[in-house]
N, C-alpha and C. Protein backbone atom coordinates (compact mmCIF):
# COMPACT_ATOMS: atom_id res chain seq x y z
N MET A 1 26.55 8.69 -2.82
CA MET A 1 25.31 9.73 -2.88
C MET A 1 24.97 10.54 -3.05
N ALA A 2 24.31 10.73 -3.84
CA ALA A 2 24.09 12.75 -4.28
C ALA A 2 22.97 12.38 -3.10
N SER A 3 22.37 14.57 -3.42
CA SER A 3 21.51 14.82 -2.18
C SER A 3 20.32 14.34 -3.34
N ARG A 4 19.07 15.16 -2.86
CA ARG A 4 17.73 14.76 -3.79
C ARG A 4 17.60 15.99 -4.24
N PRO A 5 17.59 16.48 -5.31
CA PRO A 5 16.65 17.02 -5.84
C PRO A 5 15.61 18.28 -5.38
N ALA A 6 15.92 19.36 -5.41
CA ALA A 6 14.74 19.64 -4.99
C ALA A 6 13.49 20.55 -5.85
N PRO A 7 12.80 21.07 -6.37
CA PRO A 7 11.81 21.99 -6.89
C PRO A 7 12.65 22.78 -7.21
N GLY A 8 13.38 22.95 -8.34
CA GLY A 8 13.70 24.07 -9.27
C GLY A 8 14.80 24.28 -9.82
N ASP A 9 15.61 23.14 -8.98
CA ASP A 9 17.78 22.37 -9.28
C ASP A 9 16.71 21.90 -10.77
N PRO A 10 17.49 21.35 -11.40
CA PRO A 10 17.68 20.60 -12.32
C PRO A 10 17.39 19.74 -12.08
N ALA A 11 17.33 18.31 -12.61
CA ALA A 11 17.50 17.25 -12.50
C ALA A 11 18.22 16.47 -13.63
N PRO A 12 18.87 15.30 -12.77
CA PRO A 12 19.96 14.47 -13.67
C PRO A 12 19.85 13.22 -14.25
N ALA A 13 20.79 14.51 -15.43
CA ALA A 13 20.83 13.75 -16.74
C ALA A 13 20.69 11.77 -16.51
N PHE A 14 20.03 11.24 -16.60
CA PHE A 14 20.38 9.59 -16.98
C PHE A 14 20.08 8.46 -18.26
N GLU A 15 20.31 7.73 -18.53
CA GLU A 15 20.06 6.85 -19.83
C GLU A 15 20.57 5.74 -18.89
N GLY A 16 19.54 4.49 -19.45
CA GLY A 16 19.63 3.38 -19.28
C GLY A 16 18.63 2.55 -20.66
N VAL A 17 18.46 1.00 -19.52
CA VAL A 17 17.46 0.10 -20.89
C VAL A 17 16.12 -0.13 -20.32
N THR A 18 14.44 0.20 -20.73
CA THR A 18 13.49 -0.17 -20.04
C THR A 18 13.63 -1.67 -20.34
N ALA A 19 12.50 -2.19 -19.35
CA ALA A 19 12.53 -3.97 -19.88
C ALA A 19 12.53 -4.11 -21.71
N ASP A 20 11.92 -3.51 -22.24
CA ASP A 20 11.32 -4.51 -23.43
C ASP A 20 12.56 -3.68 -24.53
N GLY A 21 13.95 -3.25 -23.25
CA GLY A 21 15.35 -3.51 -23.76
C GLY A 21 15.98 -1.98 -25.03
N LYS A 22 14.31 -1.08 -25.03
CA LYS A 22 15.37 0.09 -25.78
C LYS A 22 15.88 0.86 -24.64
N PRO A 23 16.59 1.72 -25.43
CA PRO A 23 17.68 2.67 -24.39
C PRO A 23 16.53 3.71 -23.84
N VAL A 24 16.53 4.63 -22.99
CA VAL A 24 15.78 5.53 -22.50
C VAL A 24 16.36 6.71 -21.91
N SER A 25 16.86 7.35 -21.96
CA SER A 25 17.02 9.52 -21.61
C SER A 25 16.37 10.51 -20.96
N LEU A 26 16.70 10.90 -20.18
CA LEU A 26 15.89 12.10 -19.82
C LEU A 26 16.21 13.63 -20.91
N ALA A 27 16.79 13.01 -21.78
CA ALA A 27 16.59 13.99 -23.23
C ALA A 27 15.91 13.52 -24.12
N ASP A 28 14.93 11.83 -23.81
CA ASP A 28 13.46 11.45 -24.70
C ASP A 28 13.05 12.26 -23.81
N PHE A 29 12.86 13.09 -23.24
CA PHE A 29 11.40 13.87 -22.33
C PHE A 29 11.53 15.35 -22.49
N ARG A 30 12.11 16.10 -22.67
CA ARG A 30 12.67 16.83 -23.25
C ARG A 30 11.04 18.02 -24.18
N GLY A 31 10.92 18.94 -23.30
CA GLY A 31 9.50 19.28 -23.84
C GLY A 31 8.33 18.94 -23.48
N ARG A 32 8.48 17.17 -22.68
CA ARG A 32 7.44 17.33 -22.54
C ARG A 32 7.62 16.86 -20.61
N LYS A 33 6.04 16.99 -20.43
CA LYS A 33 6.58 16.26 -18.74
C LYS A 33 6.68 14.92 -17.82
N LEU A 34 7.58 14.95 -17.11
CA LEU A 34 8.09 13.26 -17.12
C LEU A 34 7.70 13.10 -14.98
N VAL A 35 7.48 12.03 -15.46
CA VAL A 35 6.52 11.88 -13.84
C VAL A 35 7.78 10.83 -13.41
N LEU A 36 8.47 11.03 -12.53
CA LEU A 36 10.29 9.77 -12.16
C LEU A 36 9.92 9.02 -10.87
N TYR A 37 9.46 7.79 -11.34
CA TYR A 37 9.10 7.65 -10.23
C TYR A 37 9.93 6.58 -9.67
N PHE A 38 10.71 6.59 -8.75
CA PHE A 38 11.31 5.36 -8.05
C PHE A 38 10.43 4.34 -6.87
N TYR A 39 10.47 2.65 -7.01
CA TYR A 39 9.86 2.04 -5.96
C TYR A 39 10.85 1.22 -5.88
N PRO A 40 10.73 0.67 -4.76
CA PRO A 40 11.24 -0.78 -4.22
C PRO A 40 11.99 -2.48 -4.57
N ARG A 41 10.45 -2.52 -5.23
CA ARG A 41 10.96 -3.76 -5.85
C ARG A 41 9.62 -4.35 -7.16
N ASP A 42 9.93 -4.80 -7.90
CA ASP A 42 8.88 -5.14 -8.51
C ASP A 42 8.14 -6.43 -7.94
N ASP A 43 6.07 -6.37 -8.07
CA ASP A 43 5.96 -7.03 -7.65
C ASP A 43 5.30 -7.57 -5.99
N THR A 44 5.74 -6.35 -5.77
CA THR A 44 5.69 -6.56 -4.08
C THR A 44 4.45 -5.25 -3.91
N PRO A 45 3.43 -5.37 -2.91
CA PRO A 45 2.18 -5.06 -2.79
C PRO A 45 1.96 -3.89 -2.88
N LEU A 46 3.33 -2.99 -2.31
CA LEU A 46 2.51 -1.25 -1.93
C LEU A 46 3.19 -1.01 -4.03
N CYS A 47 3.99 -1.62 -4.15
CA CYS A 47 5.07 -1.62 -5.44
C CYS A 47 3.48 -2.10 -6.77
N THR A 48 3.22 -2.56 -6.29
CA THR A 48 2.13 -3.00 -7.85
C THR A 48 0.76 -2.28 -6.99
N ARG A 49 0.14 -1.88 -5.76
CA ARG A 49 -0.06 -0.83 -5.65
C ARG A 49 0.13 0.35 -6.46
N GLN A 50 1.09 1.07 -5.95
CA GLN A 50 1.70 2.26 -6.59
C GLN A 50 1.86 2.21 -8.42
N ALA A 51 2.04 1.26 -9.42
CA ALA A 51 2.19 1.48 -10.75
C ALA A 51 0.86 1.10 -11.00
N CYS A 52 -0.77 0.29 -10.89
CA CYS A 52 -1.62 -0.19 -10.93
C CYS A 52 -2.28 1.31 -10.56
N SER A 53 -2.52 1.81 -10.00
CA SER A 53 -2.81 3.06 -10.17
C SER A 53 -2.42 4.15 -10.73
N LEU A 54 -0.45 4.53 -11.02
CA LEU A 54 -0.97 4.95 -12.10
C LEU A 54 -0.60 4.69 -13.70
N ARG A 55 -1.27 2.71 -13.80
CA ARG A 55 -2.38 2.48 -15.22
C ARG A 55 -3.50 2.90 -14.88
N ASP A 56 -3.13 2.48 -14.33
CA ASP A 56 -5.45 3.13 -14.11
C ASP A 56 -5.52 4.86 -14.78
N HIS A 57 -4.55 5.11 -14.51
CA HIS A 57 -4.39 6.97 -14.57
C HIS A 57 -4.02 7.43 -15.67
N ASN A 58 -2.74 6.61 -16.81
CA ASN A 58 -2.09 6.89 -17.61
C ASN A 58 -2.62 7.32 -18.77
N ALA A 59 -4.30 7.73 -18.95
CA ALA A 59 -4.43 8.47 -19.98
C ALA A 59 -4.35 9.43 -19.17
N GLU A 60 -4.87 10.08 -18.41
CA GLU A 60 -5.53 11.22 -17.89
C GLU A 60 -3.72 12.13 -17.16
N ILE A 61 -2.88 11.56 -17.10
CA ILE A 61 -1.63 12.22 -16.80
C ILE A 61 -1.01 11.78 -18.39
N ALA A 62 -1.38 11.47 -19.02
CA ALA A 62 -0.57 12.18 -20.28
C ALA A 62 -1.92 13.20 -21.02
N LYS A 63 -3.30 13.31 -20.66
CA LYS A 63 -3.32 14.80 -21.67
C LYS A 63 -2.98 15.58 -20.97
N ARG A 64 -1.97 15.37 -19.45
CA ARG A 64 -1.32 17.07 -19.12
C ARG A 64 -0.15 17.04 -19.70
N GLY A 65 0.29 16.65 -20.88
CA GLY A 65 1.79 16.76 -20.93
C GLY A 65 2.13 15.55 -20.23
N ALA A 66 2.29 14.28 -19.54
CA ALA A 66 3.75 13.90 -18.50
C ALA A 66 3.78 12.15 -19.33
N ALA A 67 4.56 12.20 -18.92
CA ALA A 67 4.59 10.84 -19.24
C ALA A 67 5.10 10.48 -18.00
N ILE A 68 5.19 8.38 -18.15
CA ILE A 68 5.36 8.35 -17.33
C ILE A 68 6.64 7.36 -17.19
N LEU A 69 7.44 6.99 -16.11
CA LEU A 69 8.93 6.01 -16.28
C LEU A 69 9.36 5.40 -14.95
N GLY A 70 8.76 4.17 -14.45
CA GLY A 70 9.37 3.72 -13.25
C GLY A 70 10.72 3.34 -13.11
N VAL A 71 11.23 2.89 -12.59
CA VAL A 71 12.33 2.99 -11.70
C VAL A 71 12.71 2.61 -10.64
N SER A 72 13.44 0.75 -11.09
CA SER A 72 13.88 -0.11 -9.74
C SER A 72 15.49 -0.94 -9.81
N THR A 73 15.98 -1.17 -9.01
CA THR A 73 16.76 -1.83 -9.20
C THR A 73 16.73 -3.47 -10.35
N GLN A 74 15.32 -3.41 -10.20
CA GLN A 74 15.56 -4.55 -11.15
C GLN A 74 15.87 -4.29 -12.31
N ASP A 75 16.66 -5.85 -12.47
CA ASP A 75 16.54 -6.06 -14.65
C ASP A 75 15.61 -6.68 -15.17
N GLU A 76 15.61 -5.96 -16.40
CA GLU A 76 15.08 -5.65 -17.52
C GLU A 76 13.83 -7.37 -16.97
N ASP A 77 14.22 -8.58 -17.13
CA ASP A 77 13.25 -10.07 -16.50
C ASP A 77 12.17 -9.48 -16.04
N SER A 78 12.50 -9.08 -15.11
CA SER A 78 11.56 -9.28 -13.59
C SER A 78 11.57 -7.64 -13.18
N HIS A 79 11.71 -6.73 -14.93
CA HIS A 79 10.74 -5.86 -14.94
C HIS A 79 9.65 -6.21 -16.36
N ARG A 80 9.78 -6.68 -16.68
CA ARG A 80 9.11 -7.54 -18.01
C ARG A 80 8.03 -8.64 -18.01
N ARG A 81 8.40 -9.45 -16.39
CA ARG A 81 7.20 -10.03 -16.07
C ARG A 81 6.49 -9.25 -14.58
N PHE A 82 6.92 -8.29 -14.34
CA PHE A 82 6.05 -7.46 -13.21
C PHE A 82 4.75 -6.95 -14.47
N ALA A 83 5.27 -6.01 -15.77
CA ALA A 83 4.66 -4.90 -16.30
C ALA A 83 3.72 -5.92 -17.04
N GLY A 84 4.16 -7.27 -17.08
CA GLY A 84 2.96 -7.81 -18.70
C GLY A 84 2.30 -8.18 -17.15
N LYS A 85 2.58 -8.96 -16.28
CA LYS A 85 1.33 -9.81 -14.98
C LYS A 85 0.83 -8.35 -15.11
N HIS A 86 0.63 -6.84 -15.18
CA HIS A 86 -0.20 -6.26 -14.21
C HIS A 86 -0.91 -5.07 -14.77
N ARG A 87 0.03 -5.48 -16.61
CA ARG A 87 -0.24 -5.09 -17.92
C ARG A 87 -0.36 -3.20 -16.96
N LEU A 88 1.22 -3.43 -17.31
CA LEU A 88 1.66 -2.12 -16.83
C LEU A 88 1.85 -1.08 -18.47
N ASN A 89 1.08 0.67 -18.89
CA ASN A 89 0.86 0.47 -20.35
C ASN A 89 2.04 1.99 -19.73
N PHE A 90 2.88 1.44 -19.68
CA PHE A 90 4.99 3.01 -19.89
C PHE A 90 5.17 1.77 -18.78
N PRO A 91 6.97 2.87 -19.96
CA PRO A 91 7.92 2.37 -19.32
C PRO A 91 9.28 2.11 -17.85
N LEU A 92 9.40 1.32 -17.74
CA LEU A 92 10.03 0.57 -16.44
C LEU A 92 11.52 0.67 -16.73
N LEU A 93 12.44 1.44 -16.18
CA LEU A 93 13.78 1.81 -16.28
C LEU A 93 14.51 0.38 -15.43
N ALA A 94 15.17 -0.26 -16.36
CA ALA A 94 15.99 -1.40 -15.37
C ALA A 94 17.53 -0.66 -14.96
N ASP A 95 17.36 -0.33 -13.64
CA ASP A 95 18.41 0.94 -13.10
C ASP A 95 19.47 -0.23 -11.67
N LYS A 96 19.83 -1.73 -12.75
CA LYS A 96 20.52 -2.70 -11.93
C LYS A 96 21.75 -2.28 -11.04
N GLY A 97 22.73 -0.95 -11.58
CA GLY A 97 23.65 -0.98 -10.28
C GLY A 97 23.18 0.33 -10.13
N GLY A 98 21.81 0.91 -10.25
CA GLY A 98 21.60 2.35 -8.49
C GLY A 98 22.10 3.56 -9.43
N ALA A 99 22.66 3.68 -10.71
CA ALA A 99 22.83 4.70 -10.61
C ALA A 99 22.45 5.57 -11.01
N VAL A 100 21.45 5.40 -11.17
CA VAL A 100 20.06 6.43 -11.56
C VAL A 100 19.47 6.40 -10.68
N ALA A 101 19.73 5.89 -9.66
CA ALA A 101 18.40 6.09 -8.08
C ALA A 101 19.47 6.78 -7.56
N ARG A 102 21.02 6.13 -7.19
CA ARG A 102 21.96 7.25 -6.64
C ARG A 102 21.71 8.32 -6.93
N ALA A 103 21.95 9.02 -7.96
CA ALA A 103 21.80 9.95 -8.48
C ALA A 103 21.35 11.53 -8.09
N TYR A 104 19.59 10.59 -8.24
CA TYR A 104 18.05 10.98 -7.45
C TYR A 104 17.81 11.13 -6.26
N GLY A 105 19.30 10.57 -5.06
CA GLY A 105 19.20 10.65 -3.75
C GLY A 105 18.18 10.11 -3.32
N ALA A 106 17.70 8.39 -4.31
CA ALA A 106 16.97 7.37 -3.77
C ALA A 106 17.46 5.97 -3.73
N LEU A 107 18.87 6.09 -3.78
CA LEU A 107 19.05 4.65 -3.18
C LEU A 107 20.34 5.67 -2.79
N GLY A 108 20.09 4.33 -0.91
CA GLY A 108 20.91 5.59 0.21
C GLY A 108 19.82 6.72 0.90
N GLY A 109 18.99 7.17 0.69
CA GLY A 109 19.21 8.43 1.15
C GLY A 109 19.42 8.66 3.05
N GLY A 110 19.09 9.70 3.68
CA GLY A 110 18.58 10.38 4.55
C GLY A 110 18.52 9.12 5.41
N GLY A 111 18.68 8.62 6.45
CA GLY A 111 18.20 8.09 8.05
C GLY A 111 18.58 6.07 7.70
N LEU A 112 18.23 5.81 8.51
CA LEU A 112 18.73 3.97 8.91
C LEU A 112 18.61 3.42 7.82
N LEU A 113 16.39 3.58 7.59
CA LEU A 113 16.23 2.77 7.04
C LEU A 113 15.70 3.46 4.98
N SER A 114 16.37 4.16 4.97
CA SER A 114 16.87 3.85 3.80
C SER A 114 18.59 2.94 3.25
N ALA A 115 19.22 3.78 4.84
CA ALA A 115 20.79 3.27 4.76
C ALA A 115 20.82 1.75 4.65
N ALA A 116 19.72 1.43 5.09
CA ALA A 116 19.29 -0.53 5.35
C ALA A 116 19.29 -1.34 3.85
N LYS A 117 18.13 -0.62 3.21
CA LYS A 117 17.57 -0.43 1.88
C LYS A 117 18.61 -0.62 1.02
N ALA A 118 19.38 0.16 1.00
CA ALA A 118 20.19 0.67 0.30
C ALA A 118 21.47 -1.03 0.10
N LEU A 119 21.55 -1.12 1.72
CA LEU A 119 22.66 -2.40 1.19
C LEU A 119 21.86 -3.01 0.86
N ALA A 120 20.75 -3.62 0.73
CA ALA A 120 20.06 -5.26 -0.33
C ALA A 120 20.00 -4.53 -1.37
N GLY A 121 19.68 -3.34 -1.45
CA GLY A 121 20.14 -3.02 -3.21
C GLY A 121 18.47 -2.59 -3.63
N LEU A 122 18.10 -2.01 -2.21
CA LEU A 122 16.43 -1.34 -3.14
C LEU A 122 15.73 0.37 -2.70
N SER A 123 15.63 0.83 -3.94
CA SER A 123 15.39 1.79 -3.47
C SER A 123 14.24 2.74 -3.24
N ASP A 124 14.16 4.34 -1.86
CA ASP A 124 13.77 5.03 -1.67
C ASP A 124 12.01 4.37 -3.13
N ARG A 125 11.24 4.66 -1.77
CA ARG A 125 9.90 5.69 -2.91
C ARG A 125 9.96 6.75 -2.76
N ILE A 126 9.63 7.29 -4.20
CA ILE A 126 10.30 9.07 -4.28
C ILE A 126 9.69 9.32 -5.94
N THR A 127 9.01 10.34 -5.62
CA THR A 127 8.35 9.95 -6.91
C THR A 127 8.76 12.05 -7.46
N PHE A 128 9.39 12.23 -8.19
CA PHE A 128 10.20 13.47 -8.89
C PHE A 128 8.94 13.46 -10.43
N VAL A 129 8.55 14.88 -10.37
CA VAL A 129 7.33 15.28 -12.04
C VAL A 129 8.91 16.01 -12.10
N ILE A 130 9.04 15.95 -13.75
CA ILE A 130 10.40 16.96 -13.70
C ILE A 130 9.36 17.75 -15.70
N ASP A 131 9.49 18.68 -14.61
CA ASP A 131 8.93 20.57 -16.16
C ASP A 131 9.88 19.90 -17.40
N GLU A 132 9.42 20.38 -18.58
CA GLU A 132 9.50 20.28 -19.80
C GLU A 132 11.00 20.73 -20.99
N LYS A 133 11.21 21.62 -19.51
CA LYS A 133 12.82 22.34 -19.97
C LYS A 133 13.75 20.97 -18.50
N GLY A 134 13.54 20.56 -17.92
CA GLY A 134 14.36 18.90 -17.59
C GLY A 134 14.36 19.51 -15.75
N ARG A 135 13.66 20.01 -15.52
CA ARG A 135 13.72 20.96 -13.85
C ARG A 135 12.59 19.73 -13.37
N VAL A 136 13.63 19.77 -12.08
CA VAL A 136 11.82 19.14 -11.31
C VAL A 136 11.71 20.24 -10.56
N ALA A 137 10.27 19.57 -10.93
CA ALA A 137 8.80 20.80 -10.87
C ALA A 137 8.36 20.40 -9.58
N HIS A 138 8.52 18.93 -8.45
CA HIS A 138 7.85 19.33 -7.88
C HIS A 138 8.04 16.93 -6.85
N VAL A 139 8.21 17.09 -6.12
CA VAL A 139 8.77 15.81 -5.41
C VAL A 139 8.12 15.49 -3.64
N ILE A 140 7.95 14.38 -4.78
CA ILE A 140 6.11 13.61 -3.64
C ILE A 140 6.90 12.92 -2.58
N ASP A 141 8.09 13.03 -0.88
CA ASP A 141 8.62 12.24 -1.22
C ASP A 141 8.36 10.79 -0.46
N ARG A 142 6.55 10.85 0.26
CA ARG A 142 5.98 10.17 0.76
C ARG A 142 4.88 9.86 -0.13
N PRO A 143 4.71 9.14 -1.25
CA PRO A 143 3.76 8.27 -1.97
C PRO A 143 2.67 7.84 -0.92
N ASP A 144 1.91 8.15 -1.49
CA ASP A 144 0.41 7.16 -1.25
C ASP A 144 0.71 6.30 -1.95
N ALA A 145 0.81 5.16 -1.97
CA ALA A 145 0.65 3.56 -3.16
C ALA A 145 -0.30 3.88 -3.77
N ALA A 146 -1.33 3.66 -3.10
CA ALA A 146 -3.03 3.34 -3.29
C ALA A 146 -3.65 4.88 -4.59
N ASN A 147 -2.80 5.83 -4.25
CA ASN A 147 -3.80 6.40 -4.47
C ASN A 147 -2.58 7.48 -4.97
N HIS A 148 -1.49 7.68 -5.73
CA HIS A 148 -0.48 8.32 -6.18
C HIS A 148 -0.41 8.78 -7.85
N ALA A 149 -1.62 8.29 -8.55
CA ALA A 149 -1.89 8.95 -9.77
C ALA A 149 -3.16 10.09 -9.34
N GLU A 150 -3.49 9.79 -8.05
CA GLU A 150 -4.53 11.35 -7.79
C GLU A 150 -3.12 12.32 -7.47
N GLU A 151 -2.32 11.57 -6.82
CA GLU A 151 -1.63 12.74 -6.07
C GLU A 151 -0.67 13.61 -7.63
N VAL A 152 -0.33 13.21 -7.86
CA VAL A 152 0.43 13.43 -8.77
C VAL A 152 -0.55 14.74 -10.03
N LEU A 153 -1.42 14.14 -10.38
CA LEU A 153 -2.80 14.89 -11.11
C LEU A 153 -2.78 15.94 -10.15
N ALA A 154 -2.56 15.93 -8.67
CA ALA A 154 -2.85 16.82 -8.88
C ALA A 154 -1.41 18.09 -8.73
N LEU A 155 -0.77 17.41 -8.58
CA LEU A 155 0.23 18.26 -9.67
C LEU A 155 0.43 19.41 -10.59
N LEU A 156 0.68 18.12 -11.43
CA LEU A 156 -0.03 18.68 -12.63
C LEU A 156 -1.23 19.82 -13.89
């Protein structure tokens, strides 16, 4: 497991597929900020609150030059159902093997709880704000799910 990148570190490169089957990579966001957030599981109460907070403030986040990309280890079908049910207006990356989460230290991070979640294939809840040059600008280690967009906006 990789350690978590810290502010100032280069963001680990990644590639994957979104819920709608489109390929996505870190390079696609070069020149704009990226709010890359990891969450444990689709359609659970906290994960839903977090996603809906970001959905409701996506226009404000975009006005500040940032895109949002959610990441969890569920497959495209699970993400498609979750996004449709809650009318999410940003893509979800299907990180089925957990490679992206491991690269960011969000799968199997420090502590017993993280290790237990990793055994179940669930990533930690953590957000990385990546700058226009592909460097980590901010890390939100313990996001407030219900008010996550406000946390992000305060950093943009």
